[in-house]
Amino acid sequence: CERAKQAVAIACYPDTDRDLTRLIDEEMRAAGL
């Protein structure tokens, strides 16, 4: 899939501290908090 021109490969690794901060803040904003 990484070599094929018509394909994309999307790797999903555990969230970093920056990812978790963004996730928490996004959910809090969505809840009005």
Full PDB file with SEQRES, HELIX, SHEET, SSBOND, CRYST1, ORIGX, SCALE, CONECT and MASTER records, all heavy atoms in Angstrom:
SEQRES   1 A   33  CYS GLU ARG ALA LYS GLN ALA VAL ALA ILE ALA CYS TYR          
SEQRES   2 A   33  PRO ASP THR ASP ARG ASP LEU THR ARG LEU ILE ASP GLU          
SEQRES   3 A   33  GLU MET ARG ALA ALA GLY LEU                                  
HELIX    1 AA1 ASP A   17  ALA A   30  1                                  14    
CRYST1    1.000    1.000    1.000  90.00  90.00  90.00 P 1           1          
ORIGX1      1.000000  0.000000  0.000000        0.00000                         
ORIGX2      0.000000  1.000000  0.000000        0.00000                         
ORIGX3      0.000000  0.000000  1.000000        0.00000                         
SCALE1      1.000000  0.000000  0.000000        0.00000                         
SCALE2      0.000000  1.000000  0.000000        0.00000                         
SCALE3      0.000000  0.000000  1.000000        0.00000                         
ATOM      1  N   CYS A   1       0.824  -1.215   0.000  1.00  0.00           N  
ATOM      2  CA  CYS A   1       0.000   0.000   0.000  1.00  0.00           C  
ATOM      3  C   CYS A   1       0.856   1.263   0.000  1.00  0.00           C  
ATOM      4  O   CYS A   1       0.490   2.273  -0.595  1.00  0.00           O  
ATOM      5  CB  CYS A   1      -0.951  -0.004   1.186  1.00  0.00           C  
ATOM      6  SG  CYS A   1      -2.304  -1.204   1.035  1.00  0.00           S  
ATOM      7  N   GLU A   2       2.001   1.214   0.667  1.00  0.00           N  
ATOM      8  CA  GLU A   2       2.886   2.381   0.670  1.00  0.00           C  
ATOM      9  C   GLU A   2       3.540   2.606  -0.690  1.00  0.00           C  
ATOM     10  O   GLU A   2       3.897   3.739  -1.036  1.00  0.00           O  
ATOM     11  CB  GLU A   2       3.964   2.218   1.742  1.00  0.00           C  
ATOM     12  CG  GLU A   2       3.427   2.380   3.162  1.00  0.00           C  
ATOM     13  CD  GLU A   2       4.496   2.264   4.233  1.00  0.00           C  
ATOM     14  OE1 GLU A   2       5.596   1.758   3.926  1.00  0.00           O  
ATOM     15  OE2 GLU A   2       4.230   2.669   5.382  1.00  0.00           O  
ATOM     16  N   ARG A   3       3.683   1.547  -1.478  1.00  0.00           N  
ATOM     17  CA  ARG A   3       4.335   1.670  -2.778  1.00  0.00           C  
ATOM     18  C   ARG A   3       3.354   1.965  -3.916  1.00  0.00           C  
ATOM     19  O   ARG A   3       3.760   2.500  -4.954  1.00  0.00           O  
ATOM     20  CB  ARG A   3       5.101   0.383  -3.086  1.00  0.00           C  
ATOM     21  CG  ARG A   3       6.325   0.177  -2.196  1.00  0.00           C  
ATOM     22  CD  ARG A   3       7.009  -1.143  -2.520  1.00  0.00           C  
ATOM     23  NE  ARG A   3       8.213  -1.318  -1.703  1.00  0.00           N  
ATOM     24  CZ  ARG A   3       8.951  -2.418  -1.699  1.00  0.00           C  
ATOM     25  NH1 ARG A   3       8.616  -3.443  -2.478  1.00  0.00           N  
ATOM     26  NH2 ARG A   3      10.029  -2.492  -0.939  1.00  0.00           N  
ATOM     27  N   ALA A   4       2.089   1.609  -3.744  1.00  0.00           N  
ATOM     28  CA  ALA A   4       1.118   1.765  -4.828  1.00  0.00           C  
ATOM     29  C   ALA A   4       0.741   3.236  -5.029  1.00  0.00           C  
ATOM     30  O   ALA A   4       0.476   3.957  -4.058  1.00  0.00           O  
ATOM     31  CB  ALA A   4      -0.134   0.946  -4.533  1.00  0.00           C  
ATOM     32  N   LYS A   5       0.696   3.683  -6.281  1.00  0.00           N  
ATOM     33  CA  LYS A   5       0.385   5.084  -6.583  1.00  0.00           C  
ATOM     34  C   LYS A   5      -1.040   5.454  -6.204  1.00  0.00           C  
ATOM     35  O   LYS A   5      -1.310   6.603  -5.852  1.00  0.00           O  
ATOM     36  CB  LYS A   5       0.621   5.356  -8.067  1.00  0.00           C  
ATOM     37  CG  LYS A   5       2.082   5.281  -8.494  1.00  0.00           C  
ATOM     38  CD  LYS A   5       2.233   5.606  -9.965  1.00  0.00           C  
ATOM     39  CE  LYS A   5       3.702   5.548 -10.389  1.00  0.00           C  
ATOM     40  NZ  LYS A   5       3.876   5.859 -11.826  1.00  0.00           N  
ATOM     41  N   GLN A   6      -1.972   4.506  -6.303  1.00  0.00           N  
ATOM     42  CA  GLN A   6      -3.379   4.828  -6.032  1.00  0.00           C  
ATOM     43  C   GLN A   6      -3.780   4.591  -4.578  1.00  0.00           C  
ATOM     44  O   GLN A   6      -4.951   4.672  -4.232  1.00  0.00           O  
ATOM     45  CB  GLN A   6      -4.297   4.029  -6.960  1.00  0.00           C  
ATOM     46  CG  GLN A   6      -4.254   2.514  -6.777  1.00  0.00           C  
ATOM     47  CD  GLN A   6      -3.277   1.831  -7.693  1.00  0.00           C  
ATOM     48  OE1 GLN A   6      -2.114   2.211  -7.754  1.00  0.00           O  
ATOM     49  NE2 GLN A   6      -3.743   0.816  -8.410  1.00  0.00           N  
ATOM     50  N   ALA A   7      -2.798   4.305  -3.697  1.00  0.00           N  
ATOM     51  CA  ALA A   7      -3.105   3.995  -2.300  1.00  0.00           C  
ATOM     52  C   ALA A   7      -2.425   4.966  -1.348  1.00  0.00           C  
ATOM     53  O   ALA A   7      -1.435   5.616  -1.692  1.00  0.00           O  
ATOM     54  CB  ALA A   7      -2.679   2.566  -1.971  1.00  0.00           C  
ATOM     55  N   VAL A   8      -2.975   5.062  -0.148  1.00  0.00           N  
ATOM     56  CA  VAL A   8      -2.338   5.800   0.943  1.00  0.00           C  
ATOM     57  C   VAL A   8      -2.257   4.870   2.144  1.00  0.00           C  
ATOM     58  O   VAL A   8      -3.115   4.006   2.334  1.00  0.00           O  
ATOM     59  CB  VAL A   8      -3.105   7.088   1.328  1.00  0.00           C  
ATOM     60  CG1 VAL A   8      -3.085   8.088   0.194  1.00  0.00           C  
ATOM     61  CG2 VAL A   8      -4.530   6.779   1.739  1.00  0.00           C  
ATOM     62  N   ALA A   9      -1.238   5.038   2.945  1.00  0.00           N  
ATOM     63  CA  ALA A   9      -1.080   4.277   4.182  1.00  0.00           C  
ATOM     64  C   ALA A   9      -1.077   5.256   5.348  1.00  0.00           C  
ATOM     65  O   ALA A   9      -0.268   6.183   5.378  1.00  0.00           O  
ATOM     66  CB  ALA A   9       0.211   3.463   4.145  1.00  0.00           C  
ATOM     67  N   ILE A  10      -1.995   5.058   6.273  1.00  0.00           N  
ATOM     68  CA  ILE A  10      -2.172   5.977   7.395  1.00  0.00           C  
ATOM     69  C   ILE A  10      -1.850   5.236   8.692  1.00  0.00           C  
ATOM     70  O   ILE A  10      -2.605   4.359   9.122  1.00  0.00           O  
ATOM     71  CB  ILE A  10      -3.611   6.527   7.434  1.00  0.00           C  
ATOM     72  CG1 ILE A  10      -3.938   7.252   6.128  1.00  0.00           C  
ATOM     73  CG2 ILE A  10      -3.811   7.439   8.639  1.00  0.00           C  
ATOM     74  CD1 ILE A  10      -5.387   7.670   6.006  1.00  0.00           C  
ATOM     75  N   ALA A  11      -0.734   5.579   9.312  1.00  0.00           N  
ATOM     76  CA  ALA A  11      -0.328   4.941  10.564  1.00  0.00           C  
ATOM     77  C   ALA A  11      -0.962   5.669  11.748  1.00  0.00           C  
ATOM     78  O   ALA A  11      -1.042   6.893  11.764  1.00  0.00           O  
ATOM     79  CB  ALA A  11       1.188   4.947  10.692  1.00  0.00           C  
ATOM     80  N   CYS A  12      -1.403   4.890  12.744  1.00  0.00           N  
ATOM     81  CA  CYS A  12      -2.076   5.454  13.917  1.00  0.00           C  
ATOM     82  C   CYS A  12      -1.316   5.045  15.177  1.00  0.00           C  
ATOM     83  O   CYS A  12      -1.438   3.903  15.641  1.00  0.00           O  
ATOM     84  CB  CYS A  12      -3.521   4.957  13.984  1.00  0.00           C  
ATOM     85  SG  CYS A  12      -4.504   5.372  12.521  1.00  0.00           S  
ATOM     86  N   TYR A  13      -0.543   5.967  15.710  1.00  0.00           N  
ATOM     87  CA  TYR A  13       0.264   5.701  16.890  1.00  0.00           C  
ATOM     88  C   TYR A  13      -0.367   6.362  18.121  1.00  0.00           C  
ATOM     89  O   TYR A  13      -1.143   7.319  17.992  1.00  0.00           O  
ATOM     90  CB  TYR A  13       1.682   6.210  16.680  1.00  0.00           C  
ATOM     91  CG  TYR A  13       2.391   5.511  15.545  1.00  0.00           C  
ATOM     92  CD1 TYR A  13       2.670   6.178  14.359  1.00  0.00           C  
ATOM     93  CD2 TYR A  13       2.762   4.169  15.656  1.00  0.00           C  
ATOM     94  CE1 TYR A  13       3.310   5.526  13.300  1.00  0.00           C  
ATOM     95  CE2 TYR A  13       3.401   3.515  14.617  1.00  0.00           C  
ATOM     96  CZ  TYR A  13       3.671   4.197  13.444  1.00  0.00           C  
ATOM     97  OH  TYR A  13       4.286   3.550  12.409  1.00  0.00           O  
ATOM     98  N   PRO A  14      -0.030   5.876  19.330  1.00  0.00           N  
ATOM     99  CA  PRO A  14      -0.612   6.462  20.549  1.00  0.00           C  
ATOM    100  C   PRO A  14      -0.394   7.968  20.615  1.00  0.00           C  
ATOM    101  O   PRO A  14       0.616   8.494  20.152  1.00  0.00           O  
ATOM    102  CB  PRO A  14       0.133   5.736  21.674  1.00  0.00           C  
ATOM    103  CG  PRO A  14       0.502   4.414  21.072  1.00  0.00           C  
ATOM    104  CD  PRO A  14       0.831   4.711  19.634  1.00  0.00           C  
ATOM    105  N   ASP A  15      -1.365   8.660  21.186  1.00  0.00           N  
ATOM    106  CA  ASP A  15      -1.323  10.112  21.276  1.00  0.00           C  
ATOM    107  C   ASP A  15      -0.128  10.599  22.090  1.00  0.00           C  
ATOM    108  O   ASP A  15       0.209  10.030  23.132  1.00  0.00           O  
ATOM    109  CB  ASP A  15      -2.602  10.642  21.926  1.00  0.00           C  
ATOM    110  CG  ASP A  15      -3.810  10.533  21.000  1.00  0.00           C  
ATOM    111  OD1 ASP A  15      -3.626  10.736  19.782  1.00  0.00           O  
ATOM    112  OD2 ASP A  15      -4.917  10.258  21.494  1.00  0.00           O  
ATOM    113  N   THR A  16       0.488  11.665  21.630  1.00  0.00           N  
ATOM    114  CA  THR A  16       1.522  12.360  22.388  1.00  0.00           C  
ATOM    115  C   THR A  16       0.847  13.283  23.405  1.00  0.00           C  
ATOM    116  O   THR A  16      -0.379  13.448  23.396  1.00  0.00           O  
ATOM    117  CB  THR A  16       2.405  13.191  21.454  1.00  0.00           C  
ATOM    118  OG1 THR A  16       1.589  14.206  20.832  1.00  0.00           O  
ATOM    119  CG2 THR A  16       3.029  12.326  20.371  1.00  0.00           C  
ATOM    120  N   ASP A  17       1.641  13.907  24.271  1.00  0.00           N  
ATOM    121  CA  ASP A  17       1.078  14.866  25.226  1.00  0.00           C  
ATOM    122  C   ASP A  17       0.358  16.001  24.491  1.00  0.00           C  
ATOM    123  O   ASP A  17      -0.698  16.471  24.942  1.00  0.00           O  
ATOM    124  CB  ASP A  17       2.184  15.448  26.118  1.00  0.00           C  
ATOM    125  CG  ASP A  17       2.671  14.441  27.154  1.00  0.00           C  
ATOM    126  OD1 ASP A  17       2.020  13.396  27.315  1.00  0.00           O  
ATOM    127  OD2 ASP A  17       3.700  14.705  27.796  1.00  0.00           O  
ATOM    128  N   ARG A  18       0.910  16.438  23.378  1.00  0.00           N  
ATOM    129  CA  ARG A  18       0.268  17.510  22.608  1.00  0.00           C  
ATOM    130  C   ARG A  18      -1.080  17.036  22.049  1.00  0.00           C  
ATOM    131  O   ARG A  18      -2.073  17.771  22.086  1.00  0.00           O  
ATOM    132  CB  ARG A  18       1.175  17.943  21.459  1.00  0.00           C  
ATOM    133  CG  ARG A  18       0.581  19.043  20.589  1.00  0.00           C  
ATOM    134  CD  ARG A  18       1.530  19.428  19.464  1.00  0.00           C  
ATOM    135  NE  ARG A  18       2.749  20.026  19.979  1.00  0.00           N  
ATOM    136  CZ  ARG A  18       3.743  20.461  19.200  1.00  0.00           C  
ATOM    137  NH1 ARG A  18       3.657  20.343  17.875  1.00  0.00           N  
ATOM    138  NH2 ARG A  18       4.816  21.000  19.746  1.00  0.00           N  
ATOM    139  N   ASP A  19      -1.122  15.797  21.559  1.00  0.00           N  
ATOM    140  CA  ASP A  19      -2.379  15.249  21.040  1.00  0.00           C  
ATOM    141  C   ASP A  19      -3.429  15.163  22.145  1.00  0.00           C  
ATOM    142  O   ASP A  19      -4.602  15.493  21.932  1.00  0.00           O  
ATOM    143  CB  ASP A  19      -2.155  13.855  20.442  1.00  0.00           C  
ATOM    144  CG  ASP A  19      -1.238  13.865  19.240  1.00  0.00           C  
ATOM    145  OD1 ASP A  19      -1.274  14.853  18.481  1.00  0.00           O  
ATOM    146  OD2 ASP A  19      -0.491  12.890  19.058  1.00  0.00           O  
ATOM    147  N   LEU A  20      -3.017  14.685  23.321  1.00  0.00           N  
ATOM    148  CA  LEU A  20      -3.964  14.545  24.431  1.00  0.00           C  
ATOM    149  C   LEU A  20      -4.468  15.902  24.900  1.00  0.00           C  
ATOM    150  O   LEU A  20      -5.650  16.051  25.233  1.00  0.00           O  
ATOM    151  CB  LEU A  20      -3.311  13.789  25.586  1.00  0.00           C  
ATOM    152  CG  LEU A  20      -3.041  12.303  25.352  1.00  0.00           C  
ATOM    153  CD1 LEU A  20      -2.265  11.707  26.520  1.00  0.00           C  
ATOM    154  CD2 LEU A  20      -4.347  11.548  25.152  1.00  0.00           C  
ATOM    155  N   THR A  21      -3.577  16.894  24.941  1.00  0.00           N  
ATOM    156  CA  THR A  21      -4.000  18.247  25.326  1.00  0.00           C  
ATOM    157  C   THR A  21      -5.053  18.761  24.355  1.00  0.00           C  
ATOM    158  O   THR A  21      -6.086  19.317  24.772  1.00  0.00           O  
ATOM    159  CB  THR A  21      -2.792  19.205  25.331  1.00  0.00           C  
ATOM    160  OG1 THR A  21      -1.851  18.762  26.313  1.00  0.00           O  
ATOM    161  CG2 THR A  21      -3.229  20.626  25.662  1.00  0.00           C  
ATOM    162  N   ARG A  22      -4.812  18.583  23.061  1.00  0.00           N  
ATOM    163  CA  ARG A  22      -5.777  19.036  22.052  1.00  0.00           C  
ATOM    164  C   ARG A  22      -7.098  18.282  22.180  1.00  0.00           C  
ATOM    165  O   ARG A  22      -8.171  18.884  22.102  1.00  0.00           O  
ATOM    166  CB  ARG A  22      -5.184  18.845  20.653  1.00  0.00           C  
ATOM    167  CG  ARG A  22      -6.091  19.361  19.545  1.00  0.00           C  
ATOM    168  CD  ARG A  22      -5.411  19.368  18.191  1.00  0.00           C  
ATOM    169  NE  ARG A  22      -4.988  18.034  17.787  1.00  0.00           N  
ATOM    170  CZ  ARG A  22      -3.731  17.629  17.712  1.00  0.00           C  
ATOM    171  NH1 ARG A  22      -2.746  18.453  18.032  1.00  0.00           N  
ATOM    172  NH2 ARG A  22      -3.435  16.402  17.319  1.00  0.00           N  
ATOM    173  N   LEU A  23      -7.017  16.965  22.391  1.00  0.00           N  
ATOM    174  CA  LEU A  23      -8.222  16.152  22.536  1.00  0.00           C  
ATOM    175  C   LEU A  23      -9.061  16.615  23.726  1.00  0.00           C  
ATOM    176  O   LEU A  23     -10.287  16.799  23.617  1.00  0.00           O  
ATOM    177  CB  LEU A  23      -7.831  14.682  22.704  1.00  0.00           C  
ATOM    178  CG  LEU A  23      -8.960  13.711  23.062  1.00  0.00           C  
ATOM    179  CD1 LEU A  23      -9.955  13.619  21.927  1.00  0.00           C  
ATOM    180  CD2 LEU A  23      -8.395  12.335  23.391  1.00  0.00           C  
ATOM    181  N   ILE A  24      -8.401  16.800  24.869  1.00  0.00           N  
ATOM    182  CA  ILE A  24      -9.126  17.231  26.074  1.00  0.00           C  
ATOM    183  C   ILE A  24      -9.754  18.600  25.863  1.00  0.00           C  
ATOM    184  O   ILE A  24     -10.934  18.816  26.183  1.00  0.00           O  
ATOM    185  CB  ILE A  24      -8.172  17.242  27.289  1.00  0.00           C  
ATOM    186  CG1 ILE A  24      -7.766  15.808  27.654  1.00  0.00           C  
ATOM    187  CG2 ILE A  24      -8.816  17.943  28.490  1.00  0.00           C  
ATOM    188  CD1 ILE A  24      -6.631  15.725  28.660  1.00  0.00           C  
ATOM    189  N   ASP A  25      -8.993  19.534  25.322  1.00  0.00           N  
ATOM    190  CA  ASP A  25      -9.511  20.889  25.130  1.00  0.00           C  
ATOM    191  C   ASP A  25     -10.653  20.914  24.117  1.00  0.00           C  
ATOM    192  O   ASP A  25     -11.625  21.657  24.286  1.00  0.00           O  
ATOM    193  CB  ASP A  25      -8.385  21.829  24.696  1.00  0.00           C  
ATOM    194  CG  ASP A  25      -7.400  22.104  25.830  1.00  0.00           C  
ATOM    195  OD1 ASP A  25      -7.740  21.799  26.995  1.00  0.00           O  
ATOM    196  OD2 ASP A  25      -6.295  22.614  25.559  1.00  0.00           O  
ATOM    197  N   GLU A  26     -10.565  20.100  23.072  1.00  0.00           N  
ATOM    198  CA  GLU A  26     -11.644  20.038  22.083  1.00  0.00           C  
ATOM    199  C   GLU A  26     -12.933  19.529  22.722  1.00  0.00           C  
ATOM    200  O   GLU A  26     -14.017  20.083  22.486  1.00  0.00           O  
ATOM    201  CB  GLU A  26     -11.239  19.112  20.927  1.00  0.00           C  
ATOM    202  CG  GLU A  26     -10.243  19.711  19.956  1.00  0.00           C  
ATOM    203  CD  GLU A  26      -9.819  18.699  18.903  1.00  0.00           C  
ATOM    204  OE1 GLU A  26     -10.250  17.522  18.995  1.00  0.00           O  
ATOM    205  OE2 GLU A  26      -9.068  19.080  17.988  1.00  0.00           O  
ATOM    206  N   GLU A  27     -12.827  18.481  23.515  1.00  0.00           N  
ATOM    207  CA  GLU A  27     -14.021  17.921  24.158  1.00  0.00           C  
ATOM    208  C   GLU A  27     -14.607  18.889  25.184  1.00  0.00           C  
ATOM    209  O   GLU A  27     -15.829  18.980  25.339  1.00  0.00           O  
ATOM    210  CB  GLU A  27     -13.691  16.579  24.808  1.00  0.00           C  
ATOM    211  CG  GLU A  27     -13.390  15.465  23.827  1.00  0.00           C  
ATOM    212  CD  GLU A  27     -14.589  15.128  22.955  1.00  0.00           C  
ATOM    213  OE1 GLU A  27     -15.737  15.326  23.386  1.00  0.00           O  
ATOM    214  OE2 GLU A  27     -14.371  14.658  21.815  1.00  0.00           O  
ATOM    215  N   MET A  28     -13.748  19.593  25.895  1.00  0.00           N  
ATOM    216  CA  MET A  28     -14.250  20.566  26.867  1.00  0.00           C  
ATOM    217  C   MET A  28     -14.961  21.720  26.164  1.00  0.00           C  
ATOM    218  O   MET A  28     -16.028  22.168  26.607  1.00  0.00           O  
ATOM    219  CB  MET A  28     -13.095  21.093  27.725  1.00  0.00           C  
ATOM    220  CG  MET A  28     -12.496  20.051  28.649  1.00  0.00           C  
ATOM    221  SD  MET A  28     -13.731  19.318  29.760  1.00  0.00           S  
ATOM    222  CE  MET A  28     -12.963  17.756  30.168  1.00  0.00           C  
ATOM    223  N   ARG A  29     -14.385  22.204  25.066  1.00  0.00           N  
ATOM    224  CA  ARG A  29     -15.052  23.284  24.310  1.00  0.00           C  
ATOM    225  C   ARG A  29     -16.401  22.817  23.782  1.00  0.00           C  
ATOM    226  O   ARG A  29     -17.384  23.563  23.827  1.00  0.00           O  
ATOM    227  CB  ARG A  29     -14.169  23.736  23.155  1.00  0.00           C  
ATOM    228  CG  ARG A  29     -13.048  24.675  23.550  1.00  0.00           C  
ATOM    229  CD  ARG A  29     -12.470  25.381  22.337  1.00  0.00           C  
ATOM    230  NE  ARG A  29     -11.905  24.433  21.385  1.00  0.00           N  
ATOM    231  CZ  ARG A  29     -10.656  24.009  21.414  1.00  0.00           C  
ATOM    232  NH1 ARG A  29      -9.831  24.442  22.365  1.00  0.00           N  
ATOM    233  NH2 ARG A  29     -10.206  23.164  20.496  1.00  0.00           N  
ATOM    234  N   ALA A  30     -16.457  21.584  23.302  1.00  0.00           N  
ATOM    235  CA  ALA A  30     -17.715  21.053  22.780  1.00  0.00           C  
ATOM    236  C   ALA A  30     -18.780  20.974  23.867  1.00  0.00           C  
ATOM    237  O   ALA A  30     -19.976  21.095  23.586  1.00  0.00           O  
ATOM    238  CB  ALA A  30     -17.484  19.679  22.165  1.00  0.00           C  
ATOM    239  N   ALA A  31     -18.343  20.781  25.119  1.00  0.00           N  
ATOM    240  CA  ALA A  31     -19.280  20.700  26.249  1.00  0.00           C  
ATOM    241  C   ALA A  31     -19.514  22.051  26.907  1.00  0.00           C  
ATOM    242  O   ALA A  31     -20.227  22.139  27.913  1.00  0.00           O  
ATOM    243  CB  ALA A  31     -18.752  19.705  27.284  1.00  0.00           C  
ATOM    244  N   GLY A  32     -18.896  23.105  26.366  1.00  0.00           N  
ATOM    245  CA  GLY A  32     -19.061  24.431  26.947  1.00  0.00           C  
ATOM    246  C   GLY A  32     -18.320  24.601  28.254  1.00  0.00           C  
ATOM    247  O   GLY A  32     -18.751  25.368  29.114  1.00  0.00           O  
ATOM    248  N   LEU A  33     -17.181  23.922  28.401  1.00  0.00           N  
ATOM    249  CA  LEU A  33     -16.426  23.944  29.651  1.00  0.00           C  
ATOM    250  C   LEU A  33     -14.984  24.372  29.414  1.00  0.00           C  
ATOM    251  O   LEU A  33     -14.464  24.275  28.307  1.00  0.00           O  
ATOM    252  CB  LEU A  33     -16.416  22.544  30.285  1.00  0.00           C  
ATOM    253  CG  LEU A  33     -17.745  21.964  30.780  1.00  0.00           C  
ATOM    254  CD1 LEU A  33     -17.602  20.469  31.002  1.00  0.00           C  
ATOM    255  CD2 LEU A  33     -18.187  22.659  32.059  1.00  0.00           C  
TER     256      LEU A  33                                                      
MASTER        0    0    0    1    0    0    0    6  255    1    0    3          
END                                                                             
